[in-house]
Amino acid sequence: MTIRPRLLAARLLRYLHSWWYTLHLGAVALVMAFSPSTYNRENRLATSRYIYASTWQVLPWFTVLSALVSLVIIRIVLVTARSYGLSFYALEMVVRVLVLELIPLSAAMFAALRAGMAFDAAAIGLAREGLPQPAASSEALRRLRRDLVPQVIANAFAVLSLAMISSTIVLVLAYLNIYGLSPWGLTEYTRTVGRVFDPVVTISFVLKTVLFGLAVAVIPTAAILELARYPARRASTVQPGALRLLFVLLLIEASSLAIKYTI
């Protein structure tokens, strides 16, 4: 009976240390991302390759898939609103549900599965053994600049790009479904969309998308690097960082909803 409290305390400390390691890695990556010395020719090429792999290669078919799903949701919302005599609120509902909530969250989840979870910790080698501490620190810094920072930038850029482009396409699809090809609905359309995107909602949307991108870029990477440093902790078959990333994404989403609808 005296062992269990010690085990619980040890697990709690390890859990808090894991979160601290994630926050520390994210802070280091952000500082190095804004450091001019990071962007030499090699790192610029690496960043462009990661951006191409994580964004441009998947952008066309992700956009098509999100457009098809959004089109189905738009039709369901329109038919339901008309059946209850609430057609006036259909566009506002589409913008609030799809553009503000579902599209950024789906882009973050997709980027996490496509790029963030596929991070190869062995390629960075931060947990090298057999090196003196100064040499190990110098090697870790060099590899951090060369591999981690470009991938963090690329994953964050992927979430932002997928969310913004898909949201724009959804807005176009919403207009075509409600007003057709007629230009006479532009005035009412822009007024409704502008009413939805007030300053608080716009800032919340941009900030939420940026935080999604940072979470996708940092959390899976930190989890895999932590496993590389402490291989004895590999006791679960779940992808490292998956549950933590899901928790953070839901926390960001809940905070965004609270800010938009309570302030």
C-alpha atoms as a PDB file:
ATOM      1  CA  MET A   1       0.000   0.000   0.000  1.00  0.00           C
ATOM      2  CA  THR A   2       2.959   2.316   0.502  1.00  0.00           C
ATOM      3  CA  ILE A   3       4.280   1.715  -3.002  1.00  0.00           C
ATOM      4  CA  ARG A   4       1.249   2.962  -4.906  1.00  0.00           C
ATOM      5  CA  PRO A   5       1.512   6.652  -3.853  1.00  0.00           C
ATOM      6  CA  ARG A   6       5.150   6.636  -4.891  1.00  0.00           C
ATOM      7  CA  LEU A   7       4.268   5.152  -8.257  1.00  0.00           C
ATOM      8  CA  LEU A   8       1.511   7.711  -8.754  1.00  0.00           C
ATOM      9  CA  ALA A   9       3.884  10.533  -7.825  1.00  0.00           C
ATOM     10  CA  ALA A  10       6.531   9.192 -10.207  1.00  0.00           C
ATOM     11  CA  ARG A  11       4.014   8.917 -13.045  1.00  0.00           C
ATOM     12  CA  LEU A  12       2.740  12.421 -12.345  1.00  0.00           C
ATOM     13  CA  LEU A  13       6.262  13.827 -12.408  1.00  0.00           C
ATOM     14  CA  ARG A  14       7.043  11.981 -15.624  1.00  0.00           C
ATOM     15  CA  TYR A  15       3.808  13.249 -17.158  1.00  0.00           C
ATOM     16  CA  LEU A  16       4.576  16.848 -16.184  1.00  0.00           C
ATOM     17  CA  HIS A  17       8.138  16.471 -17.424  1.00  0.00           C
ATOM     18  CA  SER A  18       6.818  15.210 -20.745  1.00  0.00           C
ATOM     19  CA  TRP A  19       4.617  18.288 -21.137  1.00  0.00           C
ATOM     20  CA  TRP A  20       7.511  20.526 -20.134  1.00  0.00           C
ATOM     21  CA  TYR A  21       9.725  18.845 -22.726  1.00  0.00           C
ATOM     22  CA  THR A  22       7.093  19.510 -25.404  1.00  0.00           C
ATOM     23  CA  LEU A  23       6.775  23.178 -24.434  1.00  0.00           C
ATOM     24  CA  HIS A  24      10.549  23.568 -24.266  1.00  0.00           C
ATOM     25  CA  LEU A  25      11.048  21.995 -27.683  1.00  0.00           C
ATOM     26  CA  GLY A  26       8.343  24.206 -29.172  1.00  0.00           C
ATOM     27  CA  ALA A  27       9.916  27.322 -27.660  1.00  0.00           C
ATOM     28  CA  VAL A  28      13.361  26.363 -28.955  1.00  0.00           C
ATOM     29  CA  ALA A  29      11.978  25.642 -32.423  1.00  0.00           C
ATOM     30  CA  LEU A  30      10.138  28.991 -32.524  1.00  0.00           C
ATOM     31  CA  VAL A  31      13.192  30.951 -31.399  1.00  0.00           C
ATOM     32  CA  MET A  32      15.351  29.223 -33.982  1.00  0.00           C
ATOM     33  CA  ALA A  33      12.673  29.708 -36.655  1.00  0.00           C
ATOM     34  CA  PHE A  34      12.892  33.488 -36.112  1.00  0.00           C
ATOM     35  CA  SER A  35      16.678  33.491 -35.955  1.00  0.00           C
ATOM     36  CA  PRO A  36      18.335  34.802 -39.154  1.00  0.00           C
ATOM     37  CA  SER A  37      21.314  32.478 -38.658  1.00  0.00           C
ATOM     38  CA  THR A  38      19.040  29.477 -39.189  1.00  0.00           C
ATOM     39  CA  TYR A  39      18.249  30.387 -42.783  1.00  0.00           C
ATOM     40  CA  ASN A  40      21.383  29.520 -44.657  1.00  0.00           C
ATOM     41  CA  ARG A  41      21.214  28.006 -48.122  1.00  0.00           C
ATOM     42  CA  GLU A  42      21.002  24.413 -46.894  1.00  0.00           C
ATOM     43  CA  ASN A  43      18.184  25.134 -44.468  1.00  0.00           C
ATOM     44  CA  ARG A  44      16.233  27.145 -47.044  1.00  0.00           C
ATOM     45  CA  LEU A  45      16.397  24.244 -49.459  1.00  0.00           C
ATOM     46  CA  ALA A  46      15.359  21.810 -46.731  1.00  0.00           C
ATOM     47  CA  THR A  47      12.429  24.026 -45.745  1.00  0.00           C
ATOM     48  CA  SER A  48      11.241  24.301 -49.344  1.00  0.00           C
ATOM     49  CA  ARG A  49      11.430  20.518 -49.751  1.00  0.00           C
ATOM     50  CA  TYR A  50       9.408  19.941 -46.589  1.00  0.00           C
ATOM     51  CA  ILE A  51       6.817  22.529 -47.626  1.00  0.00           C
ATOM     52  CA  TYR A  52       6.505  20.908 -51.028  1.00  0.00           C
ATOM     53  CA  ALA A  53       6.070  17.445 -49.505  1.00  0.00           C
ATOM     54  CA  SER A  54       3.654  18.455 -46.736  1.00  0.00           C
ATOM     55  CA  THR A  55       1.544  21.019 -48.626  1.00  0.00           C
ATOM     56  CA  TRP A  56       1.819  21.122 -52.392  1.00  0.00           C
ATOM     57  CA  GLN A  57       1.768  17.357 -52.963  1.00  0.00           C
ATOM     58  CA  VAL A  58      -1.444  16.885 -50.975  1.00  0.00           C
ATOM     59  CA  LEU A  59      -3.181  20.203 -51.584  1.00  0.00           C
ATOM     60  CA  PRO A  60      -5.126  19.246 -54.781  1.00  0.00           C
ATOM     61  CA  TRP A  61      -6.776  16.075 -53.547  1.00  0.00           C
ATOM     62  CA  PHE A  62      -7.307  17.360 -50.003  1.00  0.00           C
ATOM     63  CA  THR A  63      -9.038  20.389 -51.498  1.00  0.00           C
ATOM     64  CA  VAL A  64     -11.205  18.180 -53.710  1.00  0.00           C
ATOM     65  CA  LEU A  65     -12.113  15.900 -50.800  1.00  0.00           C
ATOM     66  CA  SER A  66     -12.956  18.770 -48.466  1.00  0.00           C
ATOM     67  CA  ALA A  67     -14.969  20.468 -51.216  1.00  0.00           C
ATOM     68  CA  LEU A  68     -17.047  17.315 -51.809  1.00  0.00           C
ATOM     69  CA  VAL A  69     -17.731  16.806 -48.112  1.00  0.00           C
ATOM     70  CA  SER A  70     -18.504  20.496 -47.665  1.00  0.00           C
ATOM     71  CA  LEU A  71     -20.860  20.431 -50.631  1.00  0.00           C
ATOM     72  CA  VAL A  72     -22.848  17.613 -49.027  1.00  0.00           C
ATOM     73  CA  ILE A  73     -23.008  19.487 -45.709  1.00  0.00           C
ATOM     74  CA  ILE A  74     -24.037  22.715 -47.461  1.00  0.00           C
ATOM     75  CA  ARG A  75     -26.897  20.940 -49.239  1.00  0.00           C
ATOM     76  CA  ILE A  76     -28.058  19.333 -45.987  1.00  0.00           C
ATOM     77  CA  VAL A  77     -28.024  22.693 -44.195  1.00  0.00           C
ATOM     78  CA  LEU A  78     -29.884  24.431 -47.023  1.00  0.00           C
ATOM     79  CA  VAL A  79     -32.592  21.789 -47.310  1.00  0.00           C
ATOM     80  CA  THR A  80     -33.075  21.674 -43.548  1.00  0.00           C
ATOM     81  CA  ALA A  81     -33.200  25.470 -43.240  1.00  0.00           C
ATOM     82  CA  ARG A  82     -35.749  25.769 -46.052  1.00  0.00           C
ATOM     83  CA  SER A  83     -37.966  23.075 -44.549  1.00  0.00           C
ATOM     84  CA  TYR A  84     -38.175  25.085 -41.324  1.00  0.00           C
ATOM     85  CA  GLY A  85     -38.481  28.449 -43.046  1.00  0.00           C
ATOM     86  CA  LEU A  86     -35.037  29.597 -41.936  1.00  0.00           C
ATOM     87  CA  SER A  87     -33.378  30.102 -45.312  1.00  0.00           C
ATOM     88  CA  PHE A  88     -32.114  33.517 -44.242  1.00  0.00           C
ATOM     89  CA  TYR A  89     -29.835  31.893 -41.647  1.00  0.00           C
ATOM     90  CA  ALA A  90     -28.531  29.099 -43.891  1.00  0.00           C
ATOM     91  CA  LEU A  91     -25.484  30.986 -45.171  1.00  0.00           C
ATOM     92  CA  GLU A  92     -24.491  32.187 -41.723  1.00  0.00           C
ATOM     93  CA  MET A  93     -24.791  28.648 -40.375  1.00  0.00           C
ATOM     94  CA  VAL A  94     -22.624  27.270 -43.188  1.00  0.00           C
ATOM     95  CA  VAL A  95     -19.923  29.864 -42.572  1.00  0.00           C
ATOM     96  CA  ARG A  96     -19.908  29.357 -38.803  1.00  0.00           C
ATOM     97  CA  VAL A  97     -19.925  25.559 -38.889  1.00  0.00           C
ATOM     98  CA  LEU A  98     -17.734  24.808 -41.904  1.00  0.00           C
ATOM     99  CA  VAL A  99     -15.377  27.734 -42.378  1.00  0.00           C
ATOM    100  CA  LEU A 100     -14.806  28.651 -38.742  1.00  0.00           C
ATOM    101  CA  GLU A 101     -14.808  25.216 -37.117  1.00  0.00           C
ATOM    102  CA  LEU A 102     -14.683  22.081 -39.270  1.00  0.00           C
ATOM    103  CA  ILE A 103     -12.248  23.147 -42.002  1.00  0.00           C
ATOM    104  CA  PRO A 104      -9.382  24.285 -39.700  1.00  0.00           C
ATOM    105  CA  LEU A 105      -9.792  21.246 -37.453  1.00  0.00           C
ATOM    106  CA  SER A 106      -9.845  18.807 -40.376  1.00  0.00           C
ATOM    107  CA  ALA A 107      -6.798  20.504 -41.915  1.00  0.00           C
ATOM    108  CA  ALA A 108      -4.907  20.148 -38.630  1.00  0.00           C
ATOM    109  CA  MET A 109      -5.826  16.480 -38.267  1.00  0.00           C
ATOM    110  CA  PHE A 110      -4.912  15.755 -41.864  1.00  0.00           C
ATOM    111  CA  ALA A 111      -1.565  17.525 -41.591  1.00  0.00           C
ATOM    112  CA  ALA A 112      -0.829  15.610 -38.388  1.00  0.00           C
ATOM    113  CA  LEU A 113      -1.509  12.267 -40.034  1.00  0.00           C
ATOM    114  CA  ARG A 114       0.258  13.197 -43.256  1.00  0.00           C
ATOM    115  CA  ALA A 115       3.355  14.938 -41.986  1.00  0.00           C
ATOM    116  CA  GLY A 116       3.585  15.459 -38.225  1.00  0.00           C
ATOM    117  CA  MET A 117       3.188  11.795 -37.308  1.00  0.00           C
ATOM    118  CA  ALA A 118       5.675  10.697 -39.961  1.00  0.00           C
ATOM    119  CA  PHE A 119       8.571  12.503 -38.367  1.00  0.00           C
ATOM    120  CA  ASP A 120      11.770  10.420 -38.297  1.00  0.00           C
ATOM    121  CA  ALA A 121      13.480  11.044 -34.994  1.00  0.00           C
ATOM    122  CA  ALA A 122      16.421   8.891 -35.996  1.00  0.00           C
ATOM    123  CA  ALA A 123      17.269  11.356 -38.754  1.00  0.00           C
ATOM    124  CA  ILE A 124      17.782  14.107 -36.178  1.00  0.00           C
ATOM    125  CA  GLY A 125      19.764  12.046 -33.695  1.00  0.00           C
ATOM    126  CA  LEU A 126      19.422  14.366 -30.707  1.00  0.00           C
ATOM    127  CA  ALA A 127      19.927  11.456 -28.355  1.00  0.00           C
ATOM    128  CA  ARG A 128      23.389  10.531 -29.542  1.00  0.00           C
ATOM    129  CA  GLU A 129      25.494   8.446 -27.198  1.00  0.00           C
ATOM    130  CA  GLY A 130      29.227   8.318 -26.714  1.00  0.00           C
ATOM    131  CA  LEU A 131      29.874  12.026 -27.310  1.00  0.00           C
ATOM    132  CA  PRO A 132      31.182  14.510 -24.731  1.00  0.00           C
ATOM    133  CA  GLN A 133      28.565  16.993 -23.546  1.00  0.00           C
ATOM    134  CA  PRO A 134      29.909  20.022 -25.507  1.00  0.00           C
ATOM    135  CA  ALA A 135      30.177  17.990 -28.708  1.00  0.00           C
ATOM    136  CA  ALA A 136      26.727  16.491 -28.178  1.00  0.00           C
ATOM    137  CA  SER A 137      25.197  19.941 -27.612  1.00  0.00           C
ATOM    138  CA  SER A 138      26.870  21.329 -30.727  1.00  0.00           C
ATOM    139  CA  GLU A 139      25.697  18.370 -32.803  1.00  0.00           C
ATOM    140  CA  ALA A 140      22.158  18.644 -31.437  1.00  0.00           C
ATOM    141  CA  LEU A 141      22.022  22.359 -32.281  1.00  0.00           C
ATOM    142  CA  ARG A 142      23.265  21.733 -35.805  1.00  0.00           C
ATOM    143  CA  ARG A 143      20.748  18.971 -36.449  1.00  0.00           C
ATOM    144  CA  LEU A 144      17.976  21.018 -34.834  1.00  0.00           C
ATOM    145  CA  ARG A 145      18.592  23.826 -37.317  1.00  0.00           C
ATOM    146  CA  ARG A 146      18.989  21.445 -40.237  1.00  0.00           C
ATOM    147  CA  ASP A 147      16.004  19.127 -39.758  1.00  0.00           C
ATOM    148  CA  LEU A 148      13.615  20.073 -36.979  1.00  0.00           C
ATOM    149  CA  VAL A 149      13.068  23.775 -37.665  1.00  0.00           C
ATOM    150  CA  PRO A 150      12.384  23.320 -41.416  1.00  0.00           C
ATOM    151  CA  GLN A 151       9.893  20.555 -40.644  1.00  0.00           C
ATOM    152  CA  VAL A 152       8.168  22.611 -37.946  1.00  0.00           C
ATOM    153  CA  ILE A 153       7.810  25.510 -40.393  1.00  0.00           C
ATOM    154  CA  ALA A 154       6.550  23.185 -43.130  1.00  0.00           C
ATOM    155  CA  ASN A 155       3.921  21.506 -40.926  1.00  0.00           C
ATOM    156  CA  ALA A 156       2.631  24.826 -39.611  1.00  0.00           C
ATOM    157  CA  PHE A 157       2.527  26.195 -43.153  1.00  0.00           C
ATOM    158  CA  ALA A 158       0.629  23.083 -44.298  1.00  0.00           C
ATOM    159  CA  VAL A 159      -2.141  23.601 -41.749  1.00  0.00           C
ATOM    160  CA  LEU A 160      -2.478  27.290 -42.604  1.00  0.00           C
ATOM    161  CA  SER A 161      -2.494  26.685 -46.354  1.00  0.00           C
ATOM    162  CA  LEU A 162      -4.962  23.786 -46.294  1.00  0.00           C
ATOM    163  CA  ALA A 163      -7.322  25.646 -43.973  1.00  0.00           C
ATOM    164  CA  MET A 164      -7.262  28.960 -45.842  1.00  0.00           C
ATOM    165  CA  ILE A 165      -7.607  27.509 -49.358  1.00  0.00           C
ATOM    166  CA  SER A 166     -10.341  25.070 -48.346  1.00  0.00           C
ATOM    167  CA  SER A 167     -12.243  27.816 -46.514  1.00  0.00           C
ATOM    168  CA  THR A 168     -12.131  30.026 -49.600  1.00  0.00           C
ATOM    169  CA  ILE A 169     -13.482  27.214 -51.781  1.00  0.00           C
ATOM    170  CA  VAL A 170     -16.264  26.506 -49.274  1.00  0.00           C
ATOM    171  CA  LEU A 171     -17.300  30.166 -49.353  1.00  0.00           C
ATOM    172  CA  VAL A 172     -17.520  30.016 -53.140  1.00  0.00           C
ATOM    173  CA  LEU A 173     -19.528  26.777 -53.027  1.00  0.00           C
ATOM    174  CA  ALA A 174     -21.892  28.280 -50.468  1.00  0.00           C
ATOM    175  CA  TYR A 175     -22.589  31.263 -52.715  1.00  0.00           C
ATOM    176  CA  LEU A 176     -23.183  29.060 -55.775  1.00  0.00           C
ATOM    177  CA  ASN A 177     -25.573  26.803 -53.886  1.00  0.00           C
ATOM    178  CA  ILE A 178     -27.595  29.663 -52.446  1.00  0.00           C
ATOM    179  CA  TYR A 179     -27.577  32.258 -55.234  1.00  0.00           C
ATOM    180  CA  GLY A 180     -26.449  30.258 -58.269  1.00  0.00           C
ATOM    181  CA  LEU A 181     -24.467  32.043 -60.979  1.00  0.00           C
ATOM    182  CA  SER A 182     -26.362  35.292 -60.481  1.00  0.00           C
ATOM    183  CA  PRO A 183     -24.239  38.265 -59.368  1.00  0.00           C
ATOM    184  CA  TRP A 184     -27.201  39.897 -57.627  1.00  0.00           C
ATOM    185  CA  GLY A 185     -26.628  38.047 -54.406  1.00  0.00           C
ATOM    186  CA  LEU A 186     -23.158  39.480 -53.811  1.00  0.00           C
ATOM    187  CA  THR A 187     -24.397  42.368 -51.690  1.00  0.00           C
ATOM    188  CA  GLU A 188     -26.385  40.191 -49.311  1.00  0.00           C
ATOM    189  CA  TYR A 189     -23.665  37.534 -49.357  1.00  0.00           C
ATOM    190  CA  THR A 190     -20.836  39.899 -48.426  1.00  0.00           C
ATOM    191  CA  ARG A 191     -22.992  41.518 -45.755  1.00  0.00           C
ATOM    192  CA  THR A 192     -23.741  38.146 -44.140  1.00  0.00           C
ATOM    193  CA  VAL A 193     -20.142  36.929 -44.308  1.00  0.00           C
ATOM    194  CA  GLY A 194     -18.898  40.259 -42.987  1.00  0.00           C
ATOM    195  CA  ARG A 195     -21.343  40.056 -40.094  1.00  0.00           C
ATOM    196  CA  VAL A 196     -19.970  36.629 -39.181  1.00  0.00           C
ATOM    197  CA  PHE A 197     -16.317  37.697 -39.456  1.00  0.00           C
ATOM    198  CA  ASP A 198     -16.395  40.489 -36.899  1.00  0.00           C
ATOM    199  CA  PRO A 199     -13.039  41.524 -35.350  1.00  0.00           C
ATOM    200  CA  VAL A 200     -13.234  39.088 -32.429  1.00  0.00           C
ATOM    201  CA  VAL A 201     -14.183  36.133 -34.636  1.00  0.00           C
ATOM    202  CA  THR A 202     -11.533  36.972 -37.232  1.00  0.00           C
ATOM    203  CA  ILE A 203      -8.740  37.245 -34.660  1.00  0.00           C
ATOM    204  CA  SER A 204      -9.935  34.036 -33.007  1.00  0.00           C
ATOM    205  CA  PHE A 205     -10.014  32.210 -36.355  1.00  0.00           C
ATOM    206  CA  VAL A 206      -6.502  33.277 -37.348  1.00  0.00           C
ATOM    207  CA  LEU A 207      -5.063  32.604 -33.890  1.00  0.00           C
ATOM    208  CA  LYS A 208      -6.743  29.198 -33.716  1.00  0.00           C
ATOM    209  CA  THR A 209      -5.376  28.177 -37.109  1.00  0.00           C
ATOM    210  CA  VAL A 210      -1.867  29.297 -36.148  1.00  0.00           C
ATOM    211  CA  LEU A 211      -2.058  27.368 -32.868  1.00  0.00           C
ATOM    212  CA  PHE A 212      -3.303  24.308 -34.745  1.00  0.00           C
ATOM    213  CA  GLY A 213      -0.280  24.531 -37.014  1.00  0.00           C
ATOM    214  CA  LEU A 214       2.140  24.869 -34.110  1.00  0.00           C
ATOM    215  CA  ALA A 215       0.547  21.958 -32.248  1.00  0.00           C
ATOM    216  CA  VAL A 216       0.739  19.706 -35.291  1.00  0.00           C
ATOM    217  CA  ALA A 217       4.339  20.720 -35.890  1.00  0.00           C
ATOM    218  CA  VAL A 218       5.674  20.339 -32.342  1.00  0.00           C
ATOM    219  CA  ILE A 219       3.727  17.752 -30.333  1.00  0.00           C
ATOM    220  CA  PRO A 220       4.316  14.583 -32.432  1.00  0.00           C
ATOM    221  CA  THR A 221       7.963  15.556 -32.935  1.00  0.00           C
ATOM    222  CA  ALA A 222       8.497  16.095 -29.200  1.00  0.00           C
ATOM    223  CA  ALA A 223       6.836  12.774 -28.363  1.00  0.00           C
ATOM    224  CA  ILE A 224       9.032  10.807 -30.759  1.00  0.00           C
ATOM    225  CA  LEU A 225      12.201  12.583 -29.651  1.00  0.00           C
ATOM    226  CA  GLU A 226      11.309  11.871 -26.037  1.00  0.00           C
ATOM    227  CA  LEU A 227      10.928   8.175 -26.856  1.00  0.00           C
ATOM    228  CA  ALA A 228      14.308   8.285 -28.537  1.00  0.00           C
ATOM    229  CA  ARG A 229      15.837   9.675 -25.332  1.00  0.00           C
ATOM    230  CA  TYR A 230      13.926   7.296 -23.045  1.00  0.00           C
ATOM    231  CA  PRO A 231      13.301   4.050 -24.971  1.00  0.00           C
ATOM    232  CA  ALA A 232      12.067   2.276 -21.840  1.00  0.00           C
ATOM    233  CA  ARG A 233       8.880   4.373 -21.985  1.00  0.00           C
ATOM    234  CA  ARG A 234       7.753   2.726 -25.219  1.00  0.00           C
ATOM    235  CA  ALA A 235       4.875   0.809 -23.654  1.00  0.00           C
ATOM    236  CA  SER A 236       1.949   1.759 -25.891  1.00  0.00           C
ATOM    237  CA  THR A 237       1.035   0.838 -29.426  1.00  0.00           C
ATOM    238  CA  VAL A 238      -0.549   4.261 -30.002  1.00  0.00           C
ATOM    239  CA  GLN A 239       1.360   6.605 -32.272  1.00  0.00           C
ATOM    240  CA  PRO A 240       3.571   8.796 -30.027  1.00  0.00           C
ATOM    241  CA  GLY A 241       1.919  12.112 -29.317  1.00  0.00           C
ATOM    242  CA  ALA A 242      -1.414  11.214 -30.943  1.00  0.00           C
ATOM    243  CA  LEU A 243      -3.565  11.423 -27.816  1.00  0.00           C
ATOM    244  CA  ARG A 244      -1.749  14.513 -26.581  1.00  0.00           C
ATOM    245  CA  LEU A 245      -2.179  16.205 -29.948  1.00  0.00           C
ATOM    246  CA  LEU A 246      -5.885  15.362 -30.016  1.00  0.00           C
ATOM    247  CA  PHE A 247      -6.283  16.768 -26.506  1.00  0.00           C
ATOM    248  CA  VAL A 248      -4.501  20.018 -27.426  1.00  0.00           C
ATOM    249  CA  LEU A 249      -6.505  20.445 -30.645  1.00  0.00           C
ATOM    250  CA  LEU A 250      -9.784  19.958 -28.774  1.00  0.00           C
ATOM    251  CA  LEU A 251      -8.608  22.351 -26.053  1.00  0.00           C
ATOM    252  CA  ILE A 252      -7.785  25.013 -28.652  1.00  0.00           C
ATOM    253  CA  GLU A 253     -11.150  24.458 -30.346  1.00  0.00           C
ATOM    254  CA  ALA A 254     -13.070  24.681 -27.068  1.00  0.00           C
ATOM    255  CA  SER A 255     -11.197  27.847 -26.077  1.00  0.00           C
ATOM    256  CA  SER A 256     -11.968  29.398 -29.451  1.00  0.00           C
ATOM    257  CA  LEU A 257     -15.676  28.621 -29.086  1.00  0.00           C
ATOM    258  CA  ALA A 258     -15.702  30.058 -25.583  1.00  0.00           C
ATOM    259  CA  ILE A 259     -14.039  33.277 -26.751  1.00  0.00           C
ATOM    260  CA  LYS A 260     -16.356  33.733 -29.728  1.00  0.00           C
ATOM    261  CA  TYR A 261     -19.654  33.005 -28.047  1.00  0.00           C
ATOM    262  CA  THR A 262     -19.147  34.279 -24.500  1.00  0.00           C
ATOM    263  CA  ILE A 263     -17.295  37.571 -25.036  1.00  0.00           C
END
